[in-house]
Every structure is written in C-alpha cells, then in structure tokens.
Amino acid sequence: MTVVTGAGPAEVTLDRPEDPGFLLVLTHGSNGGVDAPDLLAVRAEALRLGGAVARVLQPFRVAGRRAPGAPAAQDEAWLTVVGALKELFGDLPLIQCGRSNGARVVCRTALKAGARGVIALAFPLRPPWNPAKSRVDELRQAGVEVLVVNGDRDPFGVPDAADATCVHVVGGERHDLARTPSTVGAVAAEWLGRWSGQS
C-alpha cells in the first residue's frame, strides 16, 4: 500500500494473517531497503508468532535518495504511516523496529506512535566520521522498553547496557548484521513474544 506523507509517498509491504495478535512495523537504514537480512529475520519471527508485519520504505528511499533529511520531517512522515496502519489494524499492540537510521526513527517516535516496545537493530551510536557526537539520548528518551541488537564489530559503536532495556551484542557482526541474521531473529522473537503476549 502507498501512504502519502508530508515528505512524499511511503511504500508499505504488508503481511496480514487472518487474526493477528500484534502489529510489527519495521523500516530500513539510510541506504537500505526493507529486504535487509536482519529485517527479514525479525519479520519471519513475528509471522511465526502470529503477528501482522508492515515493512515501510520511507519517502526518501521511494524518491531514490540516500539521505533521510531532517529528523523532524522524517519522524512526522513515519507517524503518518503508523497512523494509517493503526486505522487499518485497530487496537493491536504496536511494536516498532528499525535498523540503523530507522532505529533512530522508531526510538524517537515510540511514545507518539503509542508503541508497546522498540527493536533497534544496528543502532548507530556514534558516526565514525564524528565519534564525539553521540546519539545515546535517542535511546534513553524512547519512553518504552527498547531492545538493541548490535554487532561487536560495528564501526558506529555499541550502546552500553544501561542505555536501553536490553543490549544484545552479536559476535563477529558488523553494521549490516548480515552474517547471522537468524541470531538477530531469535533475539527479537523473545521480545516480540513478551510484548505481544505470545509464547
């Protein structure tokens, strides 16, 4: 489905089981798409647990850009998409998931979106080109429980254990979390079940 936002159209790919128990809305990084291995692994676990899944290609990527633009405009567009999905799915428990730049978006918008929890994949703590600049406040101020999954070789760094509800570090992984996506999915599954009330 297409959702028109103030930043342009967003494209949403839906997996919609007959009687879903929760809604997982997930999104990509600055130069990626919704078919990243870690996102697909989380999607698969959500479907196994009986959830509906919406994979959101944000407007800047639909337009072919790599830079997401101003955070406020990106967040506003995201909330428009989530609002449309909530109208479609009703009062299902909402869980937001994003990788890299998308992880920042889902943390910043969690409270306004009414999310029950957040999965932040490859949270980009410090830009390698500007390591003095930390984005840790976006994690700490999410206002909901946040699961972080980062690789121990991520050049963007790894948040401290105190920066989120749970920080899971995957050995041997870099920023793309592409070597062992099944590990990412397994970690996410435990939290999806916890938030959604599924076993």
C-alpha atoms as a PDB file:
ATOM      1  CA  MET A   1       0.000   0.000   0.000  1.00  0.00           C
ATOM      2  CA  THR A   2       1.036   3.604  -0.514  1.00  0.00           C
ATOM      3  CA  VAL A   3       0.730   6.179   2.259  1.00  0.00           C
ATOM      4  CA  VAL A   4       1.044   9.845   1.333  1.00  0.00           C
ATOM      5  CA  THR A   5       3.033  11.840   3.881  1.00  0.00           C
ATOM      6  CA  GLY A   6       4.283  15.400   4.117  1.00  0.00           C
ATOM      7  CA  ALA A   7       7.659  14.139   2.858  1.00  0.00           C
ATOM      8  CA  GLY A   8       6.179  12.259  -0.091  1.00  0.00           C
ATOM      9  CA  PRO A   9       4.718   8.770  -0.549  1.00  0.00           C
ATOM     10  CA  ALA A  10       5.856   5.827   1.545  1.00  0.00           C
ATOM     11  CA  GLU A  11       5.509   2.261   0.310  1.00  0.00           C
ATOM     12  CA  VAL A  12       4.266  -0.350   2.793  1.00  0.00           C
ATOM     13  CA  THR A  13       4.548  -4.102   2.227  1.00  0.00           C
ATOM     14  CA  LEU A  14       2.015  -5.952   4.389  1.00  0.00           C
ATOM     15  CA  ASP A  15       1.928  -9.463   5.771  1.00  0.00           C
ATOM     16  CA  ARG A  16      -1.580  -9.743   7.155  1.00  0.00           C
ATOM     17  CA  PRO A  17      -2.581 -13.023   8.823  1.00  0.00           C
ATOM     18  CA  GLU A  18      -6.251 -13.689   9.402  1.00  0.00           C
ATOM     19  CA  ASP A  19      -6.340 -12.875  13.119  1.00  0.00           C
ATOM     20  CA  PRO A  20      -3.079 -11.168  14.116  1.00  0.00           C
ATOM     21  CA  GLY A  21      -2.124 -10.797  17.753  1.00  0.00           C
ATOM     22  CA  PHE A  22       0.087  -7.727  17.289  1.00  0.00           C
ATOM     23  CA  LEU A  23       1.404  -5.352  14.650  1.00  0.00           C
ATOM     24  CA  LEU A  24       5.130  -5.055  13.924  1.00  0.00           C
ATOM     25  CA  VAL A  25       6.093  -2.015  11.843  1.00  0.00           C
ATOM     26  CA  LEU A  26       9.676  -2.066  10.660  1.00  0.00           C
ATOM     27  CA  THR A  27      11.949   0.036   8.496  1.00  0.00           C
ATOM     28  CA  HIS A  28      15.397   0.336   6.963  1.00  0.00           C
ATOM     29  CA  GLY A  29      18.572   2.401   7.220  1.00  0.00           C
ATOM     30  CA  SER A  30      19.722   5.391   5.186  1.00  0.00           C
ATOM     31  CA  ASN A  31      20.971   3.456   2.180  1.00  0.00           C
ATOM     32  CA  GLY A  32      18.923   0.300   2.513  1.00  0.00           C
ATOM     33  CA  GLY A  33      15.569  -1.267   1.932  1.00  0.00           C
ATOM     34  CA  VAL A  34      13.014  -3.467   3.630  1.00  0.00           C
ATOM     35  CA  ASP A  35      14.656  -6.690   2.431  1.00  0.00           C
ATOM     36  CA  ALA A  36      17.764  -6.400   4.627  1.00  0.00           C
ATOM     37  CA  PRO A  37      18.610  -9.825   6.112  1.00  0.00           C
ATOM     38  CA  ASP A  38      18.130  -8.775   9.728  1.00  0.00           C
ATOM     39  CA  LEU A  39      14.760  -7.158   8.990  1.00  0.00           C
ATOM     40  CA  LEU A  40      13.582 -10.267   7.143  1.00  0.00           C
ATOM     41  CA  ALA A  41      14.660 -12.436  10.076  1.00  0.00           C
ATOM     42  CA  VAL A  42      12.626 -10.331  12.512  1.00  0.00           C
ATOM     43  CA  ARG A  43       9.686 -10.370  10.088  1.00  0.00           C
ATOM     44  CA  ALA A  44       9.791 -14.159   9.914  1.00  0.00           C
ATOM     45  CA  GLU A  45       9.712 -14.495  13.700  1.00  0.00           C
ATOM     46  CA  ALA A  46       6.838 -12.030  14.002  1.00  0.00           C
ATOM     47  CA  LEU A  47       4.816 -14.022  11.482  1.00  0.00           C
ATOM     48  CA  ARG A  48       5.633 -17.262  13.299  1.00  0.00           C
ATOM     49  CA  LEU A  49       4.305 -15.702  16.496  1.00  0.00           C
ATOM     50  CA  GLY A  50       1.049 -14.708  14.790  1.00  0.00           C
ATOM     51  CA  GLY A  51       1.719 -11.032  14.197  1.00  0.00           C
ATOM     52  CA  ALA A  52       0.984  -8.783  11.277  1.00  0.00           C
ATOM     53  CA  VAL A  53       4.044  -7.146   9.713  1.00  0.00           C
ATOM     54  CA  ALA A  54       4.316  -3.865   7.836  1.00  0.00           C
ATOM     55  CA  ARG A  55       7.642  -3.145   6.146  1.00  0.00           C
ATOM     56  CA  VAL A  56       7.910   0.564   5.430  1.00  0.00           C
ATOM     57  CA  LEU A  57      10.012   2.010   2.625  1.00  0.00           C
ATOM     58  CA  GLN A  58      10.303   5.598   3.748  1.00  0.00           C
ATOM     59  CA  PRO A  59       9.630   8.528   1.380  1.00  0.00           C
ATOM     60  CA  PHE A  60      13.280   9.484   0.896  1.00  0.00           C
ATOM     61  CA  ARG A  61      14.072   5.983  -0.371  1.00  0.00           C
ATOM     62  CA  VAL A  62      10.949   5.852  -2.543  1.00  0.00           C
ATOM     63  CA  ALA A  63      12.303   9.040  -4.131  1.00  0.00           C
ATOM     64  CA  GLY A  64      15.693   7.402  -4.675  1.00  0.00           C
ATOM     65  CA  ARG A  65      17.608   9.433  -2.097  1.00  0.00           C
ATOM     66  CA  ARG A  66      20.157   8.087   0.371  1.00  0.00           C
ATOM     67  CA  ALA A  67      19.967  10.923   2.887  1.00  0.00           C
ATOM     68  CA  PRO A  68      16.853  10.873   5.090  1.00  0.00           C
ATOM     69  CA  GLY A  69      16.725  14.636   5.617  1.00  0.00           C
ATOM     70  CA  ALA A  70      15.788  16.481   8.785  1.00  0.00           C
ATOM     71  CA  PRO A  71      14.844  14.209  11.707  1.00  0.00           C
ATOM     72  CA  ALA A  72      11.657  16.150  12.466  1.00  0.00           C
ATOM     73  CA  ALA A  73      10.334  15.725   8.917  1.00  0.00           C
ATOM     74  CA  GLN A  74      11.312  12.059   8.876  1.00  0.00           C
ATOM     75  CA  ASP A  75       9.560  11.466  12.190  1.00  0.00           C
ATOM     76  CA  GLU A  76       6.423  13.258  11.027  1.00  0.00           C
ATOM     77  CA  ALA A  77       6.273  11.104   7.901  1.00  0.00           C
ATOM     78  CA  TRP A  78       6.787   7.962   9.981  1.00  0.00           C
ATOM     79  CA  LEU A  79       3.965   8.877  12.340  1.00  0.00           C
ATOM     80  CA  THR A  80       1.678   9.446   9.356  1.00  0.00           C
ATOM     81  CA  VAL A  81       2.425   5.936   8.115  1.00  0.00           C
ATOM     82  CA  VAL A  82       1.939   4.387  11.558  1.00  0.00           C
ATOM     83  CA  GLY A  83      -1.323   6.275  11.947  1.00  0.00           C
ATOM     84  CA  ALA A  84      -2.626   4.842   8.685  1.00  0.00           C
ATOM     85  CA  LEU A  85      -1.637   1.346   9.772  1.00  0.00           C
ATOM     86  CA  LYS A  86      -3.328   1.741  13.135  1.00  0.00           C
ATOM     87  CA  GLU A  87      -6.527   2.733  11.349  1.00  0.00           C
ATOM     88  CA  LEU A  88      -6.210  -0.431   9.289  1.00  0.00           C
ATOM     89  CA  PHE A  89      -5.395  -2.790  12.163  1.00  0.00           C
ATOM     90  CA  GLY A  90      -7.258  -1.188  15.055  1.00  0.00           C
ATOM     91  CA  ASP A  91      -6.015  -1.519  18.618  1.00  0.00           C
ATOM     92  CA  LEU A  92      -3.474  -4.292  18.109  1.00  0.00           C
ATOM     93  CA  PRO A  93      -0.358  -3.963  20.273  1.00  0.00           C
ATOM     94  CA  LEU A  94       2.177  -1.988  18.230  1.00  0.00           C
ATOM     95  CA  ILE A  95       5.877  -2.811  18.146  1.00  0.00           C
ATOM     96  CA  GLN A  96       8.279  -0.645  16.142  1.00  0.00           C
ATOM     97  CA  CYS A  97      11.507  -1.977  14.644  1.00  0.00           C
ATOM     98  CA  GLY A  98      14.186  -0.254  12.618  1.00  0.00           C
ATOM     99  CA  ARG A  99      17.759  -0.747  11.582  1.00  0.00           C
ATOM    100  CA  SER A 100      20.465   1.961  11.684  1.00  0.00           C
ATOM    101  CA  ASN A 101      18.813   5.302  10.815  1.00  0.00           C
ATOM    102  CA  GLY A 102      15.465   3.527  11.064  1.00  0.00           C
ATOM    103  CA  ALA A 103      16.351   2.502  14.615  1.00  0.00           C
ATOM    104  CA  ARG A 104      16.743   6.158  15.488  1.00  0.00           C
ATOM    105  CA  VAL A 105      13.332   6.944  13.984  1.00  0.00           C
ATOM    106  CA  VAL A 106      11.476   4.220  15.870  1.00  0.00           C
ATOM    107  CA  CYS A 107      13.083   5.296  19.153  1.00  0.00           C
ATOM    108  CA  ARG A 108      12.292   8.976  18.666  1.00  0.00           C
ATOM    109  CA  THR A 109       8.649   8.310  17.738  1.00  0.00           C
ATOM    110  CA  ALA A 110       7.790   5.433  20.080  1.00  0.00           C
ATOM    111  CA  LEU A 111       5.704   7.399  22.573  1.00  0.00           C
ATOM    112  CA  LYS A 112       3.818   9.451  19.990  1.00  0.00           C
ATOM    113  CA  ALA A 113       3.103   6.324  17.968  1.00  0.00           C
ATOM    114  CA  GLY A 114       1.755   4.507  21.021  1.00  0.00           C
ATOM    115  CA  ALA A 115       4.268   1.674  20.633  1.00  0.00           C
ATOM    116  CA  ARG A 116       4.471  -1.006  23.279  1.00  0.00           C
ATOM    117  CA  GLY A 117       8.170  -1.561  22.602  1.00  0.00           C
ATOM    118  CA  VAL A 118      11.017  -0.974  20.176  1.00  0.00           C
ATOM    119  CA  ILE A 119      13.585  -3.210  18.496  1.00  0.00           C
ATOM    120  CA  ALA A 120      16.621  -1.172  17.440  1.00  0.00           C
ATOM    121  CA  LEU A 121      18.903  -3.063  15.063  1.00  0.00           C
ATOM    122  CA  ALA A 122      22.440  -1.749  14.487  1.00  0.00           C
ATOM    123  CA  PHE A 123      21.710   1.443  16.391  1.00  0.00           C
ATOM    124  CA  PRO A 124      24.249   3.968  15.019  1.00  0.00           C
ATOM    125  CA  LEU A 125      25.563   5.289  18.314  1.00  0.00           C
ATOM    126  CA  ARG A 126      28.426   7.420  17.026  1.00  0.00           C
ATOM    127  CA  PRO A 127      29.135   8.362  13.385  1.00  0.00           C
ATOM    128  CA  PRO A 128      32.622   7.032  12.501  1.00  0.00           C
ATOM    129  CA  TRP A 129      33.415  10.385  10.870  1.00  0.00           C
ATOM    130  CA  ASN A 130      32.397  12.256  14.055  1.00  0.00           C
ATOM    131  CA  PRO A 131      32.908   9.937  17.048  1.00  0.00           C
ATOM    132  CA  ALA A 132      32.441  12.766  19.545  1.00  0.00           C
ATOM    133  CA  LYS A 133      28.771  13.014  18.538  1.00  0.00           C
ATOM    134  CA  SER A 134      26.631  10.542  20.464  1.00  0.00           C
ATOM    135  CA  ARG A 135      23.002   9.687  19.729  1.00  0.00           C
ATOM    136  CA  VAL A 136      22.517   7.854  23.007  1.00  0.00           C
ATOM    137  CA  ASP A 137      19.776  10.258  24.141  1.00  0.00           C
ATOM    138  CA  GLU A 138      17.517   8.904  21.396  1.00  0.00           C
ATOM    139  CA  LEU A 139      17.725   5.506  23.077  1.00  0.00           C
ATOM    140  CA  ARG A 140      17.377   6.778  26.613  1.00  0.00           C
ATOM    141  CA  GLN A 141      14.411   9.007  25.809  1.00  0.00           C
ATOM    142  CA  ALA A 142      12.366   6.468  23.843  1.00  0.00           C
ATOM    143  CA  GLY A 143       9.914   6.199  26.745  1.00  0.00           C
ATOM    144  CA  VAL A 144       9.231   2.483  26.175  1.00  0.00           C
ATOM    145  CA  GLU A 145      11.243  -0.711  26.509  1.00  0.00           C
ATOM    146  CA  VAL A 146      13.981  -0.871  23.885  1.00  0.00           C
ATOM    147  CA  LEU A 147      15.835  -3.974  22.711  1.00  0.00           C
ATOM    148  CA  VAL A 148      19.102  -3.123  20.941  1.00  0.00           C
ATOM    149  CA  VAL A 149      20.864  -5.680  18.748  1.00  0.00           C
ATOM    150  CA  ASN A 150      24.308  -4.593  17.525  1.00  0.00           C
ATOM    151  CA  GLY A 151      27.375  -6.342  16.156  1.00  0.00           C
ATOM    152  CA  ASP A 152      30.571  -6.235  18.184  1.00  0.00           C
ATOM    153  CA  ARG A 153      32.466  -5.007  15.122  1.00  0.00           C
ATOM    154  CA  ASP A 154      30.054  -2.208  14.253  1.00  0.00           C
ATOM    155  CA  PRO A 155      32.083   0.915  13.301  1.00  0.00           C
ATOM    156  CA  PHE A 156      29.226   3.029  14.674  1.00  0.00           C
ATOM    157  CA  GLY A 157      29.849   1.586  18.134  1.00  0.00           C
ATOM    158  CA  VAL A 158      27.724  -0.353  20.581  1.00  0.00           C
ATOM    159  CA  PRO A 159      25.449   1.227  23.208  1.00  0.00           C
ATOM    160  CA  ASP A 160      26.181   0.482  26.851  1.00  0.00           C
ATOM    161  CA  ALA A 161      23.979  -1.944  28.735  1.00  0.00           C
ATOM    162  CA  ALA A 162      22.487   0.949  30.710  1.00  0.00           C
ATOM    163  CA  ASP A 163      21.374   2.788  27.561  1.00  0.00           C
ATOM    164  CA  ALA A 164      18.395   0.523  26.772  1.00  0.00           C
ATOM    165  CA  THR A 165      16.247  -2.137  28.384  1.00  0.00           C
ATOM    166  CA  CYS A 166      18.438  -4.812  26.822  1.00  0.00           C
ATOM    167  CA  VAL A 167      21.558  -4.524  24.654  1.00  0.00           C
ATOM    168  CA  HIS A 168      22.399  -7.763  22.852  1.00  0.00           C
ATOM    169  CA  VAL A 169      25.807  -7.862  21.160  1.00  0.00           C
ATOM    170  CA  VAL A 170      26.283 -10.367  18.335  1.00  0.00           C
ATOM    171  CA  GLY A 171      29.863 -11.576  17.952  1.00  0.00           C
ATOM    172  CA  GLY A 172      31.517 -11.242  14.563  1.00  0.00           C
ATOM    173  CA  GLU A 173      28.853  -8.933  13.147  1.00  0.00           C
ATOM    174  CA  ARG A 174      29.374  -5.503  11.640  1.00  0.00           C
ATOM    175  CA  HIS A 175      26.781  -2.802  10.960  1.00  0.00           C
ATOM    176  CA  ASP A 176      24.779  -4.811   8.423  1.00  0.00           C
ATOM    177  CA  LEU A 177      24.104  -7.738  10.820  1.00  0.00           C
ATOM    178  CA  ALA A 178      24.118  -9.930   7.716  1.00  0.00           C
ATOM    179  CA  ARG A 179      26.359 -12.843   8.751  1.00  0.00           C
ATOM    180  CA  THR A 180      23.950 -14.481  11.199  1.00  0.00           C
ATOM    181  CA  PRO A 181      20.509 -12.934  10.728  1.00  0.00           C
ATOM    182  CA  SER A 182      18.934 -15.975  12.373  1.00  0.00           C
ATOM    183  CA  THR A 183      20.580 -14.905  15.631  1.00  0.00           C
ATOM    184  CA  VAL A 184      19.007 -11.470  15.287  1.00  0.00           C
ATOM    185  CA  GLY A 185      15.636 -13.079  14.653  1.00  0.00           C
ATOM    186  CA  ALA A 186      15.946 -15.359  17.673  1.00  0.00           C
ATOM    187  CA  VAL A 187      16.789 -12.472  19.997  1.00  0.00           C
ATOM    188  CA  ALA A 188      13.910 -10.417  18.612  1.00  0.00           C
ATOM    189  CA  ALA A 189      11.481 -13.334  18.941  1.00  0.00           C
ATOM    190  CA  GLU A 190      11.843 -13.445  22.711  1.00  0.00           C
ATOM    191  CA  TRP A 191      10.930  -9.776  22.975  1.00  0.00           C
ATOM    192  CA  LEU A 192       8.160  -9.918  20.390  1.00  0.00           C
ATOM    193  CA  GLY A 193       6.542 -12.683  22.429  1.00  0.00           C
ATOM    194  CA  ARG A 194       6.974 -10.721  25.625  1.00  0.00           C
ATOM    195  CA  TRP A 195       5.410  -7.569  24.228  1.00  0.00           C
ATOM    196  CA  SER A 196       2.638  -9.290  22.337  1.00  0.00           C
ATOM    197  CA  GLY A 197       1.702 -11.846  24.981  1.00  0.00           C
ATOM    198  CA  GLN A 198       2.595 -14.701  22.611  1.00  0.00           C
ATOM    199  CA  SER A 199       4.773 -17.642  23.615  1.00  0.00           C
END
